[in-house]
Amino acid sequence: MVADVAIHRDHPDNPHAHVMLTNRPFNPDGTWGQKTKTEYILDSHGNKTKTPAGNVRNRKIWLVDWDKKKK
C-alpha cells in the first residue's frame, strides 16, 4: 500500500493533513496490479453477445475487495 500525505496550514488556527491511500495491488516487480478485468457475456454456443446497438456485452469483475462488507 502507498500513502500520499499532504500537510496544510493555510490558516494559523487550522493545521490539518490529507492522507490518500491506494486500493490497488502491486505486482511482485513493483508495477501496479489490475483493479478489474472484463468478462464477456456469452451465448449458449460460447459466442460474445451484443446489445441492440451492436456493442459487445460485458461485465466488470473487481479483483480487489477493499470495499466489500463482511456479513
PDB file of N, CA and C in Angstrom:
ATOM      1  N   MET A   1       0.847  -1.172   0.000  1.00  0.00           N
ATOM      2  CA  MET A   1       0.000   0.000   0.000  1.00  0.00           C
ATOM      3  C   MET A   1       0.891   1.233   0.000  1.00  0.00           C
ATOM      4  N   VAL A   2       0.420   2.272  -0.664  1.00  0.00           N
ATOM      5  CA  VAL A   2       1.133   3.539  -0.733  1.00  0.00           C
ATOM      6  C   VAL A   2       0.266   4.609  -0.093  1.00  0.00           C
ATOM      7  N   ALA A   3       0.875   5.514   0.641  1.00  0.00           N
ATOM      8  CA  ALA A   3       0.152   6.639   1.234  1.00  0.00           C
ATOM      9  C   ALA A   3       0.756   7.942   0.735  1.00  0.00           C
ATOM     10  N   ASP A   4      -0.113   8.879   0.359  1.00  0.00           N
ATOM     11  CA  ASP A   4       0.293  10.227  -0.021  1.00  0.00           C
ATOM     12  C   ASP A   4      -0.232  11.144   1.071  1.00  0.00           C
ATOM     13  N   VAL A   5       0.668  11.828   1.754  1.00  0.00           N
ATOM     14  CA  VAL A   5       0.284  12.687   2.871  1.00  0.00           C
ATOM     15  C   VAL A   5       0.577  14.138   2.498  1.00  0.00           C
ATOM     16  N   ALA A   6      -0.428  14.994   2.641  1.00  0.00           N
ATOM     17  CA  ALA A   6      -0.259  16.427   2.389  1.00  0.00           C
ATOM     18  C   ALA A   6      -0.634  17.172   3.668  1.00  0.00           C
ATOM     19  N   ILE A   7       0.317  17.924   4.193  1.00  0.00           N
ATOM     20  CA  ILE A   7       0.091  18.676   5.427  1.00  0.00           C
ATOM     21  C   ILE A   7      -0.109  20.143   5.054  1.00  0.00           C
ATOM     22  N   HIS A   8      -1.192  20.733   5.562  1.00  0.00           N
ATOM     23  CA  HIS A   8      -1.540  22.110   5.233  1.00  0.00           C
ATOM     24  C   HIS A   8      -1.633  22.949   6.499  1.00  0.00           C
ATOM     25  N   ARG A   9      -1.263  24.184   6.352  1.00  0.00           N
ATOM     26  CA  ARG A   9      -1.505  25.179   7.403  1.00  0.00           C
ATOM     27  C   ARG A   9      -1.884  26.475   6.692  1.00  0.00           C
ATOM     28  N   ASP A  10      -3.009  26.417   5.975  1.00  0.00           N
ATOM     29  CA  ASP A  10      -3.479  27.574   5.224  1.00  0.00           C
ATOM     30  C   ASP A  10      -3.907  28.712   6.147  1.00  0.00           C
ATOM     31  N   HIS A  11      -4.347  28.364   7.320  1.00  0.00           N
ATOM     32  CA  HIS A  11      -4.786  29.344   8.321  1.00  0.00           C
ATOM     33  C   HIS A  11      -4.144  28.941   9.644  1.00  0.00           C
ATOM     34  N   PRO A  12      -3.660  29.895  10.415  1.00  0.00           N
ATOM     35  CA  PRO A  12      -2.968  29.538  11.665  1.00  0.00           C
ATOM     36  C   PRO A  12      -3.790  28.680  12.619  1.00  0.00           C
ATOM     37  N   ASP A  13      -5.116  28.823  12.588  1.00  0.00           N
ATOM     38  CA  ASP A  13      -5.964  28.064  13.507  1.00  0.00           C
ATOM     39  C   ASP A  13      -6.447  26.737  12.925  1.00  0.00           C
ATOM     40  N   ASN A  14      -5.968  26.374  11.743  1.00  0.00           N
ATOM     41  CA  ASN A  14      -6.495  25.158  11.108  1.00  0.00           C
ATOM     42  C   ASN A  14      -5.396  24.311  10.453  1.00  0.00           C
ATOM     43  N   PRO A  15      -4.413  23.863  11.234  1.00  0.00           N
ATOM     44  CA  PRO A  15      -3.453  22.927  10.629  1.00  0.00           C
ATOM     45  C   PRO A  15      -4.137  21.575  10.435  1.00  0.00           C
ATOM     46  N   HIS A  16      -3.892  20.934   9.300  1.00  0.00           N
ATOM     47  CA  HIS A  16      -4.527  19.639   9.041  1.00  0.00           C
ATOM     48  C   HIS A  16      -3.743  18.887   7.977  1.00  0.00           C
ATOM     49  N   ALA A  17      -4.098  17.628   7.821  1.00  0.00           N
ATOM     50  CA  ALA A  17      -3.430  16.774   6.832  1.00  0.00           C
ATOM     51  C   ALA A  17      -4.472  15.988   6.056  1.00  0.00           C
ATOM     52  N   HIS A  18      -4.139  15.676   4.822  1.00  0.00           N
ATOM     53  CA  HIS A  18      -4.944  14.797   3.977  1.00  0.00           C
ATOM     54  C   HIS A  18      -4.091  13.564   3.698  1.00  0.00           C
ATOM     55  N   VAL A  19      -4.674  12.398   3.845  1.00  0.00           N
ATOM     56  CA  VAL A  19      -3.966  11.145   3.576  1.00  0.00           C
ATOM     57  C   VAL A  19      -4.755  10.375   2.529  1.00  0.00           C
ATOM     58  N   MET A  20      -4.107  10.072   1.404  1.00  0.00           N
ATOM     59  CA  MET A  20      -4.738   9.263   0.357  1.00  0.00           C
ATOM     60  C   MET A  20      -4.009   7.927   0.281  1.00  0.00           C
ATOM     61  N   LEU A  21      -4.787   6.851   0.264  1.00  0.00           N
ATOM     62  CA  LEU A  21      -4.228   5.502   0.214  1.00  0.00           C
ATOM     63  C   LEU A  21      -4.628   4.815  -1.082  1.00  0.00           C
ATOM     64  N   THR A  22      -3.776   3.934  -1.559  1.00  0.00           N
ATOM     65  CA  THR A  22      -4.099   3.165  -2.754  1.00  0.00           C
ATOM     66  C   THR A  22      -5.064   2.044  -2.402  1.00  0.00           C
ATOM     67  N   ASN A  23      -5.830   1.622  -3.384  1.00  0.00           N
ATOM     68  CA  ASN A  23      -6.660   0.428  -3.211  1.00  0.00           C
ATOM     69  C   ASN A  23      -6.376  -0.554  -4.331  1.00  0.00           C
ATOM     70  N   ARG A  24      -5.187  -0.430  -4.898  1.00  0.00           N
ATOM     71  CA  ARG A  24      -4.752  -1.340  -5.945  1.00  0.00           C
ATOM     72  C   ARG A  24      -3.597  -2.188  -5.432  1.00  0.00           C
ATOM     73  N   PRO A  25      -3.529  -3.411  -5.894  1.00  0.00           N
ATOM     74  CA  PRO A  25      -2.396  -4.254  -5.503  1.00  0.00           C
ATOM     75  C   PRO A  25      -1.148  -3.895  -6.305  1.00  0.00           C
ATOM     76  N   PHE A  26      -0.020  -4.363  -5.839  1.00  0.00           N
ATOM     77  CA  PHE A  26       1.231  -4.256  -6.574  1.00  0.00           C
ATOM     78  C   PHE A  26       1.621  -5.636  -7.074  1.00  0.00           C
ATOM     79  N   ASN A  27       2.226  -5.684  -8.235  1.00  0.00           N
ATOM     80  CA  ASN A  27       2.798  -6.922  -8.760  1.00  0.00           C
ATOM     81  C   ASN A  27       4.135  -7.165  -8.078  1.00  0.00           C
ATOM     82  N   PRO A  28       4.661  -8.387  -8.129  1.00  0.00           N
ATOM     83  CA  PRO A  28       5.949  -8.675  -7.490  1.00  0.00           C
ATOM     84  C   PRO A  28       7.091  -7.780  -7.980  1.00  0.00           C
ATOM     85  N   ASP A  29       6.998  -7.281  -9.232  1.00  0.00           N
ATOM     86  CA  ASP A  29       8.065  -6.421  -9.756  1.00  0.00           C
ATOM     87  C   ASP A  29       7.873  -4.946  -9.398  1.00  0.00           C
ATOM     88  N   GLY A  30       6.840  -4.631  -8.588  1.00  0.00           N
ATOM     89  CA  GLY A  30       6.612  -3.265  -8.148  1.00  0.00           C
ATOM     90  C   GLY A  30       5.689  -2.451  -9.034  1.00  0.00           C
ATOM     91  N   THR A  31       5.233  -2.999 -10.147  1.00  0.00           N
ATOM     92  CA  THR A  31       4.292  -2.293 -11.007  1.00  0.00           C
ATOM     93  C   THR A  31       2.884  -2.428 -10.441  1.00  0.00           C
ATOM     94  N   TRP A  32       1.982  -1.568 -10.917  1.00  0.00           N
ATOM     95  CA  TRP A  32       0.601  -1.614 -10.451  1.00  0.00           C
ATOM     96  C   TRP A  32      -0.095  -2.869 -10.930  1.00  0.00           C
ATOM     97  N   GLY A  33      -0.888  -3.482 -10.061  1.00  0.00           N
ATOM     98  CA  GLY A  33      -1.718  -4.614 -10.436  1.00  0.00           C
ATOM     99  C   GLY A  33      -3.045  -4.128 -10.997  1.00  0.00           C
ATOM    100  N   GLN A  34      -3.823  -5.048 -11.516  1.00  0.00           N
ATOM    101  CA  GLN A  34      -5.117  -4.700 -12.092  1.00  0.00           C
ATOM    102  C   GLN A  34      -6.169  -4.532 -10.999  1.00  0.00           C
ATOM    103  N   LYS A  35      -7.080  -3.559 -11.204  1.00  0.00           N
ATOM    104  CA  LYS A  35      -8.229  -3.397 -10.311  1.00  0.00           C
ATOM    105  C   LYS A  35      -9.396  -4.232 -10.807  1.00  0.00           C
ATOM    106  N   THR A  36      -9.532  -4.317 -12.123  1.00  0.00           N
ATOM    107  CA  THR A  36     -10.663  -5.030 -12.714  1.00  0.00           C
ATOM    108  C   THR A  36     -10.213  -5.810 -13.934  1.00  0.00           C
ATOM    109  N   LYS A  37     -11.069  -6.718 -14.344  1.00  0.00           N
ATOM    110  CA  LYS A  37     -10.898  -7.367 -15.637  1.00  0.00           C
ATOM    111  C   LYS A  37     -12.276  -7.425 -16.289  1.00  0.00           C
ATOM    112  N   THR A  38     -12.296  -7.550 -17.607  1.00  0.00           N
ATOM    113  CA  THR A  38     -13.545  -7.594 -18.350  1.00  0.00           C
ATOM    114  C   THR A  38     -13.897  -9.036 -18.664  1.00  0.00           C
ATOM    115  N   GLU A  39     -15.136  -9.386 -18.392  1.00  0.00           N
ATOM    116  CA  GLU A  39     -15.648 -10.716 -18.726  1.00  0.00           C
ATOM    117  C   GLU A  39     -16.770 -10.525 -19.745  1.00  0.00           C
ATOM    118  N   TYR A  40     -16.652 -11.190 -20.883  1.00  0.00           N
ATOM    119  CA  TYR A  40     -17.663 -11.071 -21.925  1.00  0.00           C
ATOM    120  C   TYR A  40     -18.838 -11.994 -21.636  1.00  0.00           C
ATOM    121  N   ILE A  41     -20.031 -11.539 -21.955  1.00  0.00           N
ATOM    122  CA  ILE A  41     -21.242 -12.324 -21.759  1.00  0.00           C
ATOM    123  C   ILE A  41     -21.458 -13.147 -23.019  1.00  0.00           C
ATOM    124  N   LEU A  42     -21.469 -14.468 -22.852  1.00  0.00           N
ATOM    125  CA  LEU A  42     -21.520 -15.390 -23.981  1.00  0.00           C
ATOM    126  C   LEU A  42     -22.898 -16.027 -24.109  1.00  0.00           C
ATOM    127  N   ASP A  43     -23.217 -16.436 -25.333  1.00  0.00           N
ATOM    128  CA  ASP A  43     -24.463 -17.183 -25.543  1.00  0.00           C
ATOM    129  C   ASP A  43     -24.206 -18.663 -25.279  1.00  0.00           C
ATOM    130  N   SER A  44     -25.196 -19.500 -25.508  1.00  0.00           N
ATOM    131  CA  SER A  44     -25.072 -20.931 -25.208  1.00  0.00           C
ATOM    132  C   SER A  44     -24.039 -21.634 -26.088  1.00  0.00           C
ATOM    133  N   HIS A  45     -23.595 -20.994 -27.167  1.00  0.00           N
ATOM    134  CA  HIS A  45     -22.580 -21.570 -28.057  1.00  0.00           C
ATOM    135  C   HIS A  45     -21.181 -21.020 -27.772  1.00  0.00           C
ATOM    136  N   GLY A  46     -21.072 -20.145 -26.779  1.00  0.00           N
ATOM    137  CA  GLY A  46     -19.776 -19.581 -26.425  1.00  0.00           C
ATOM    138  C   GLY A  46     -19.399 -18.343 -27.218  1.00  0.00           C
ATOM    139  N   ASN A  47     -20.344 -17.782 -27.974  1.00  0.00           N
ATOM    140  CA  ASN A  47     -20.080 -16.575 -28.756  1.00  0.00           C
ATOM    141  C   ASN A  47     -20.436 -15.332 -27.944  1.00  0.00           C
ATOM    142  N   LYS A  48     -19.694 -14.253 -28.169  1.00  0.00           N
ATOM    143  CA  LYS A  48     -19.983 -12.991 -27.493  1.00  0.00           C
ATOM    144  C   LYS A  48     -21.343 -12.477 -27.944  1.00  0.00           C
ATOM    145  N   THR A  49     -22.135 -11.996 -26.990  1.00  0.00           N
ATOM    146  CA  THR A  49     -23.445 -11.432 -27.313  1.00  0.00           C
ATOM    147  C   THR A  49     -23.312  -9.922 -27.494  1.00  0.00           C
ATOM    148  N   LYS A  50     -24.301  -9.328 -28.156  1.00  0.00           N
ATOM    149  CA  LYS A  50     -24.272  -7.890 -28.419  1.00  0.00           C
ATOM    150  C   LYS A  50     -25.552  -7.234 -27.928  1.00  0.00           C
ATOM    151  N   THR A  51     -25.444  -5.953 -27.638  1.00  0.00           N
ATOM    152  CA  THR A  51     -26.603  -5.144 -27.266  1.00  0.00           C
ATOM    153  C   THR A  51     -27.376  -4.798 -28.534  1.00  0.00           C
ATOM    154  N   PRO A  52     -28.601  -4.277 -28.411  1.00  0.00           N
ATOM    155  CA  PRO A  52     -29.333  -3.850 -29.606  1.00  0.00           C
ATOM    156  C   PRO A  52     -28.567  -2.807 -30.434  1.00  0.00           C
ATOM    157  N   ALA A  53     -27.686  -2.039 -29.794  1.00  0.00           N
ATOM    158  CA  ALA A  53     -26.892  -1.038 -30.514  1.00  0.00           C
ATOM    159  C   ALA A  53     -25.676  -1.651 -31.203  1.00  0.00           C
ATOM    160  N   GLY A  54     -25.419  -2.944 -30.972  1.00  0.00           N
ATOM    161  CA  GLY A  54     -24.294  -3.618 -31.613  1.00  0.00           C
ATOM    162  C   GLY A  54     -23.021  -3.681 -30.796  1.00  0.00           C
ATOM    163  N   ASN A  55     -23.060  -3.205 -29.561  1.00  0.00           N
ATOM    164  CA  ASN A  55     -21.883  -3.272 -28.694  1.00  0.00           C
ATOM    165  C   ASN A  55     -21.798  -4.646 -28.042  1.00  0.00           C
ATOM    166  N   VAL A  56     -20.578  -5.125 -27.854  1.00  0.00           N
ATOM    167  CA  VAL A  56     -20.373  -6.419 -27.201  1.00  0.00           C
ATOM    168  C   VAL A  56     -20.738  -6.287 -25.725  1.00  0.00           C
ATOM    169  N   ARG A  57     -21.538  -7.222 -25.215  1.00  0.00           N
ATOM    170  CA  ARG A  57     -21.934  -7.212 -23.800  1.00  0.00           C
ATOM    171  C   ARG A  57     -20.777  -7.724 -22.947  1.00  0.00           C
ATOM    172  N   ASN A  58     -20.561  -7.036 -21.821  1.00  0.00           N
ATOM    173  CA  ASN A  58     -19.518  -7.470 -20.895  1.00  0.00           C
ATOM    174  C   ASN A  58     -19.868  -6.996 -19.501  1.00  0.00           C
ATOM    175  N   ARG A  59     -19.120  -7.502 -18.559  1.00  0.00           N
ATOM    176  CA  ARG A  59     -19.278  -7.062 -17.166  1.00  0.00           C
ATOM    177  C   ARG A  59     -17.890  -6.877 -16.579  1.00  0.00           C
ATOM    178  N   LYS A  60     -17.829  -5.999 -15.587  1.00  0.00           N
ATOM    179  CA  LYS A  60     -16.572  -5.714 -14.908  1.00  0.00           C
ATOM    180  C   LYS A  60     -16.448  -6.639 -13.709  1.00  0.00           C
ATOM    181  N   ILE A  61     -15.330  -7.313 -13.592  1.00  0.00           N
ATOM    182  CA  ILE A  61     -15.032  -8.179 -12.453  1.00  0.00           C
ATOM    183  C   ILE A  61     -13.976  -7.474 -11.605  1.00  0.00           C
ATOM    184  N   TRP A  62     -14.339  -7.132 -10.367  1.00  0.00           N
ATOM    185  CA  TRP A  62     -13.396  -6.461  -9.475  1.00  0.00           C
ATOM    186  C   TRP A  62     -12.399  -7.473  -8.922  1.00  0.00           C
ATOM    187  N   LEU A  63     -11.128  -7.136  -8.967  1.00  0.00           N
ATOM    188  CA  LEU A  63     -10.074  -8.009  -8.464  1.00  0.00           C
ATOM    189  C   LEU A  63      -9.600  -7.603  -7.073  1.00  0.00           C
ATOM    190  N   VAL A  64     -10.086  -6.480  -6.582  1.00  0.00           N
ATOM    191  CA  VAL A  64      -9.769  -6.033  -5.222  1.00  0.00           C
ATOM    192  C   VAL A  64     -11.063  -6.034  -4.420  1.00  0.00           C
ATOM    193  N   ASP A  65     -10.960  -6.260  -3.126  1.00  0.00           N
ATOM    194  CA  ASP A  65     -12.173  -6.339  -2.308  1.00  0.00           C
ATOM    195  C   ASP A  65     -12.143  -5.368  -1.132  1.00  0.00           C
ATOM    196  N   TRP A  66     -11.490  -4.250  -1.292  1.00  0.00           N
ATOM    197  CA  TRP A  66     -11.342  -3.300  -0.202  1.00  0.00           C
ATOM    198  C   TRP A  66     -12.669  -2.725   0.269  1.00  0.00           C
ATOM    199  N   ASP A  67     -13.692  -2.695  -0.572  1.00  0.00           N
ATOM    200  CA  ASP A  67     -14.958  -2.087  -0.168  1.00  0.00           C
ATOM    201  C   ASP A  67     -16.058  -3.098   0.124  1.00  0.00           C
ATOM    202  N   LYS A  68     -15.720  -4.380   0.174  1.00  0.00           N
ATOM    203  CA  LYS A  68     -16.733  -5.405   0.461  1.00  0.00           C
ATOM    204  C   LYS A  68     -17.102  -5.357   1.935  1.00  0.00           C
ATOM    205  N   LYS A  69     -18.387  -5.475   2.183  1.00  0.00           N
ATOM    206  CA  LYS A  69     -18.862  -5.506   3.561  1.00  0.00           C
ATOM    207  C   LYS A  69     -18.912  -6.955   4.041  1.00  0.00           C
ATOM    208  N   LYS A  70     -18.382  -7.186   5.216  1.00  0.00           N
ATOM    209  CA  LYS A  70     -18.418  -8.530   5.802  1.00  0.00           C
ATOM    210  C   LYS A  70     -19.811  -8.788   6.340  1.00  0.00           C
ATOM    211  N   LYS A  71     -20.296 -10.010   6.180  1.00  0.00           N
ATOM    212  CA  LYS A  71     -21.619 -10.370   6.698  1.00  0.00           C
ATOM    213  C   LYS A  71     -21.484 -11.288   7.880  1.00  0.00           C
TER     214      LYS A  71
END
